[in-house]
Each structure stands twice: as structure tokens, then as C-alpha cells.
């Protein structure tokens, strides 16, 4: 997979809260509106992944129905704000990585803060980007609080363990 940005209507996307392209098949943001979901579909995205809770103040009611009516696949994997689960984070990262191999994916939460932490890890462990560059991208969206700093460290340790296991298996 190449990681350049395709010709896209960035002007429309810039109005989406904390819009952030990761690579040609993966863009992130805070909660898109109904109109913005239409723009996302028009730009060739196939799947929407929402990691916010449905009772959040920034949640779009009936987002699942809206996406399905637009012809978008809709995946909802909620990641708690106050006490995020590392196993849920790993699941989200694996789902994203699998899907972006063949389609364009839009990943969002309420404000793109949870997702920014996920992308900090994704950039390092799935794309091989150095920690300083991944951190710079994270800081452009927000500066994580203690809960999310701890969460990124916990998930990072699990991803490092996976990486070490793969390396050992390749040596065998």
C-alpha cells in the first residue's frame, strides 16, 4: 500500500471537527454531521468506524442508519473515555489495519481525541513511523490527559510484545 494523499476535496473535510488524514485509505475526525457523512461517501470511503459511545453529547443520533442508507459500512466499537480498555484498543487497531488494505476508512470519535491516541500507536506499530513524528501528529489534535497517556503506554507494551513474538517466530 502506498501512503500518499489522493486527490480529495480537503476543503469540505476541513470543516469536520479535528479532521486528520493518516494516509490515502485512512482519515480521522471528530463526529461528522449527516452532510459530512455524505461528503465522505462521495470521496470514495467505504467504511465508517465510530469509537465513541452512543450516549455522548457529540453523538449523531441514528448514525448507523444514516451510514447504511448512504451505502457506507458502519462499525461501532466503543472505547470508554474514563477507563479505556487496552484489548478494545488493540481490536480497533487490528480492524482498521485489516480494512485499509483494500478500502478507504473513516475513523472517528466525538472530538478525535481517542482516535488521535489510536493513530499515535497505529503510526508507530503498523506504519513504522518514528515516535517523534507520531507524537507530533498526536499533539496537533490534543495533549492527552493522564488516563490516555497511561492507556497509550499499556497498549504500546502489548504491541511491542506482539512485534517481539513475530521477530522470534521469523528466526525459528
Protein backbone atom coordinates (compact mmCIF):
# COMPACT_ATOMS: atom_id res chain seq x y z
CA UNK A 1 0.00 0.00 0.00
CA UNK A 2 1.29 3.46 -0.83
CA UNK A 3 0.86 6.29 1.62
CA UNK A 4 0.27 9.41 -0.41
CA UNK A 5 -2.84 11.52 -0.34
CA UNK A 6 -5.25 11.01 -3.18
CA UNK A 7 -6.97 13.90 -4.89
CA UNK A 8 -9.64 14.66 -2.32
CA UNK A 9 -11.92 17.56 -1.53
CA UNK A 10 -9.93 18.63 1.53
CA UNK A 11 -11.86 21.91 1.76
CA UNK A 12 -15.06 20.05 2.60
CA UNK A 13 -13.26 17.83 5.09
CA UNK A 14 -11.55 20.74 6.86
CA UNK A 15 -14.92 21.75 8.29
CA UNK A 16 -15.16 18.40 10.11
CA UNK A 17 -14.02 18.71 13.73
CA UNK A 18 -10.31 17.85 14.09
CA UNK A 19 -10.09 16.35 10.59
CA UNK A 20 -6.79 14.49 10.12
CA UNK A 21 -5.68 12.39 7.14
CA UNK A 22 -3.39 9.49 8.06
CA UNK A 23 -2.79 8.06 4.57
CA UNK A 24 -4.73 7.56 1.35
CA UNK A 25 -7.01 4.90 2.86
CA UNK A 26 -7.43 6.28 6.37
CA UNK A 27 -8.79 9.60 7.59
CA UNK A 28 -9.92 10.53 11.08
CA UNK A 29 -12.01 13.21 12.77
CA UNK A 30 -14.42 14.13 15.48
CA UNK A 31 -18.13 13.42 14.93
CA UNK A 32 -19.17 14.15 11.32
CA UNK A 33 -22.61 15.59 10.56
CA UNK A 34 -25.12 13.96 8.20
CA UNK A 35 -23.96 16.26 5.39
CA UNK A 36 -20.32 15.47 6.10
CA UNK A 37 -21.01 11.73 6.00
CA UNK A 38 -22.39 12.35 2.50
CA UNK A 39 -19.13 14.09 1.50
CA UNK A 40 -17.17 11.19 2.95
CA UNK A 41 -19.15 8.73 0.81
CA UNK A 42 -18.71 10.93 -2.28
CA UNK A 43 -14.92 10.80 -1.82
CA UNK A 44 -14.92 7.01 -2.08
CA UNK A 45 -14.85 5.93 1.54
CA UNK A 46 -16.42 2.53 2.19
CA UNK A 47 -16.47 2.24 5.96
CA UNK A 48 -17.11 4.42 8.98
CA UNK A 49 -15.73 3.27 12.32
CA UNK A 50 -17.08 5.04 15.38
CA UNK A 51 -15.27 4.52 18.70
CA UNK A 52 -17.38 6.97 20.76
CA UNK A 53 -20.27 5.93 22.95
CA UNK A 54 -23.76 6.46 21.55
CA UNK A 55 -24.89 8.43 24.60
CA UNK A 56 -22.14 11.04 24.24
CA UNK A 57 -23.18 14.67 23.83
CA UNK A 58 -21.47 14.88 20.42
CA UNK A 59 -23.04 11.68 19.10
CA UNK A 60 -25.07 11.76 15.88
CA UNK A 61 -28.40 10.01 16.53
CA UNK A 62 -29.06 7.13 14.11
CA UNK A 63 -25.56 7.33 12.66
CA UNK A 64 -25.71 3.63 11.87
CA UNK A 65 -28.89 4.06 9.78
CA UNK A 66 -27.54 7.20 8.10
CA UNK A 67 -24.34 5.42 7.07
CA UNK A 68 -26.15 2.33 5.83
CA UNK A 69 -28.61 4.48 3.83
CA UNK A 70 -25.60 6.20 2.21
CA UNK A 71 -24.08 2.83 1.31
CA UNK A 72 -21.33 3.01 3.92
CA UNK A 73 -20.41 0.08 6.14
CA UNK A 74 -20.78 1.14 9.77
CA UNK A 75 -18.71 -0.36 12.57
CA UNK A 76 -19.20 0.73 16.17
CA UNK A 77 -16.54 -0.29 18.67
CA UNK A 78 -16.96 1.97 21.70
CA UNK A 79 -13.87 2.88 23.68
CA UNK A 80 -14.70 4.23 27.13
CA UNK A 81 -13.40 7.72 27.84
CA UNK A 82 -12.80 7.45 31.58
CA UNK A 83 -11.38 3.91 31.59
CA UNK A 84 -10.36 2.79 28.09
CA UNK A 85 -9.70 -0.90 27.56
CA UNK A 86 -6.38 -1.90 26.03
CA UNK A 87 -7.95 -5.00 24.45
CA UNK A 88 -10.60 -2.83 22.77
CA UNK A 89 -7.86 -0.52 21.52
CA UNK A 90 -5.96 -3.45 20.03
CA UNK A 91 -9.16 -4.70 18.38
CA UNK A 92 -9.79 -1.29 16.81
CA UNK A 93 -6.21 -1.05 15.53
CA UNK A 94 -6.39 -4.55 14.03
CA UNK A 95 -9.77 -3.89 12.37
CA UNK A 96 -8.51 -0.61 10.90
CA UNK A 97 -5.31 -2.22 9.65
CA UNK A 98 -7.25 -5.06 8.01
CA UNK A 99 -9.79 -2.79 6.32
CA UNK A 100 -7.37 -0.18 4.94
CA UNK A 101 -5.61 -2.85 2.90
CA UNK A 102 -8.47 -2.75 0.39
CA UNK A 103 -10.73 0.21 1.14
CA UNK A 104 -10.92 3.75 2.41
CA UNK A 105 -11.87 4.01 6.08
CA UNK A 106 -13.04 6.99 8.13
CA UNK A 107 -12.37 6.54 11.85
CA UNK A 108 -13.95 8.91 14.34
CA UNK A 109 -14.99 9.58 17.90
CA UNK A 110 -16.62 12.64 19.46
CA UNK A 111 -13.65 15.02 19.16
CA UNK A 112 -10.93 12.83 17.58
CA UNK A 113 -9.10 12.61 20.90
CA UNK A 114 -9.50 8.85 21.43
CA UNK A 115 -8.75 8.28 17.79
CA UNK A 116 -5.66 10.51 17.93
CA UNK A 117 -4.25 8.21 20.62
CA UNK A 118 -5.09 5.19 18.49
CA UNK A 119 -3.38 6.80 15.49
CA UNK A 120 -0.32 7.60 17.61
CA UNK A 121 0.06 3.86 18.10
CA UNK A 122 -1.02 2.95 14.56
CA UNK A 123 1.59 5.22 13.04
CA UNK A 124 4.35 3.61 15.11
CA UNK A 125 3.43 -0.06 15.10
CA UNK A 126 1.54 -0.51 11.83
CA UNK A 127 3.16 2.13 9.61
CA UNK A 128 6.66 2.15 11.11
CA UNK A 129 6.74 5.90 11.71
CA UNK A 130 9.14 7.06 14.42
CA UNK A 131 7.78 8.04 17.83
CA UNK A 132 8.66 11.74 17.46
CA UNK A 133 6.65 12.11 14.25
CA UNK A 134 3.75 10.09 15.69
CA UNK A 135 3.80 12.31 18.78
CA UNK A 136 3.80 15.46 16.65
CA UNK A 137 0.65 14.25 14.85
CA UNK A 138 -0.98 13.45 18.20
CA UNK A 139 -0.15 16.88 19.65
CA UNK A 140 -1.78 18.58 16.64
CA UNK A 141 -5.12 17.10 17.76
CA UNK A 142 -4.76 17.24 21.56
CA UNK A 143 -2.47 16.73 24.52
CA UNK A 144 -3.63 13.54 26.24
CA UNK A 145 -4.53 13.53 29.91
CA UNK A 146 -3.02 11.07 32.39
CA UNK A 147 -5.64 8.40 31.63
CA UNK A 148 -4.84 8.41 27.93
CA UNK A 149 -1.09 8.67 28.41
CA UNK A 150 -1.26 5.57 30.61
CA UNK A 151 -3.51 3.82 28.10
CA UNK A 152 -1.14 4.50 25.18
CA UNK A 153 1.77 3.14 27.23
CA UNK A 154 -0.19 -0.02 28.13
CA UNK A 155 -1.24 -0.67 24.53
CA UNK A 156 2.26 0.17 23.32
CA UNK A 157 3.71 -2.53 25.58
CA UNK A 158 1.27 -5.07 24.13
CA UNK A 159 2.16 -4.03 20.59
CA UNK A 160 5.86 -4.31 21.40
CA UNK A 161 5.27 -7.82 22.73
CA UNK A 162 3.47 -8.76 19.51
CA UNK A 163 6.33 -7.35 17.48
CA UNK A 164 8.91 -9.31 19.51
CA UNK A 165 6.91 -12.52 19.13
CA UNK A 166 6.76 -12.07 15.34
CA UNK A 167 10.52 -11.46 15.23
CA UNK A 168 11.22 -14.59 17.27
CA UNK A 169 8.89 -16.64 15.06
CA UNK A 170 10.70 -15.40 11.95
CA UNK A 171 14.01 -16.55 13.39
CA UNK A 172 12.69 -20.06 14.03
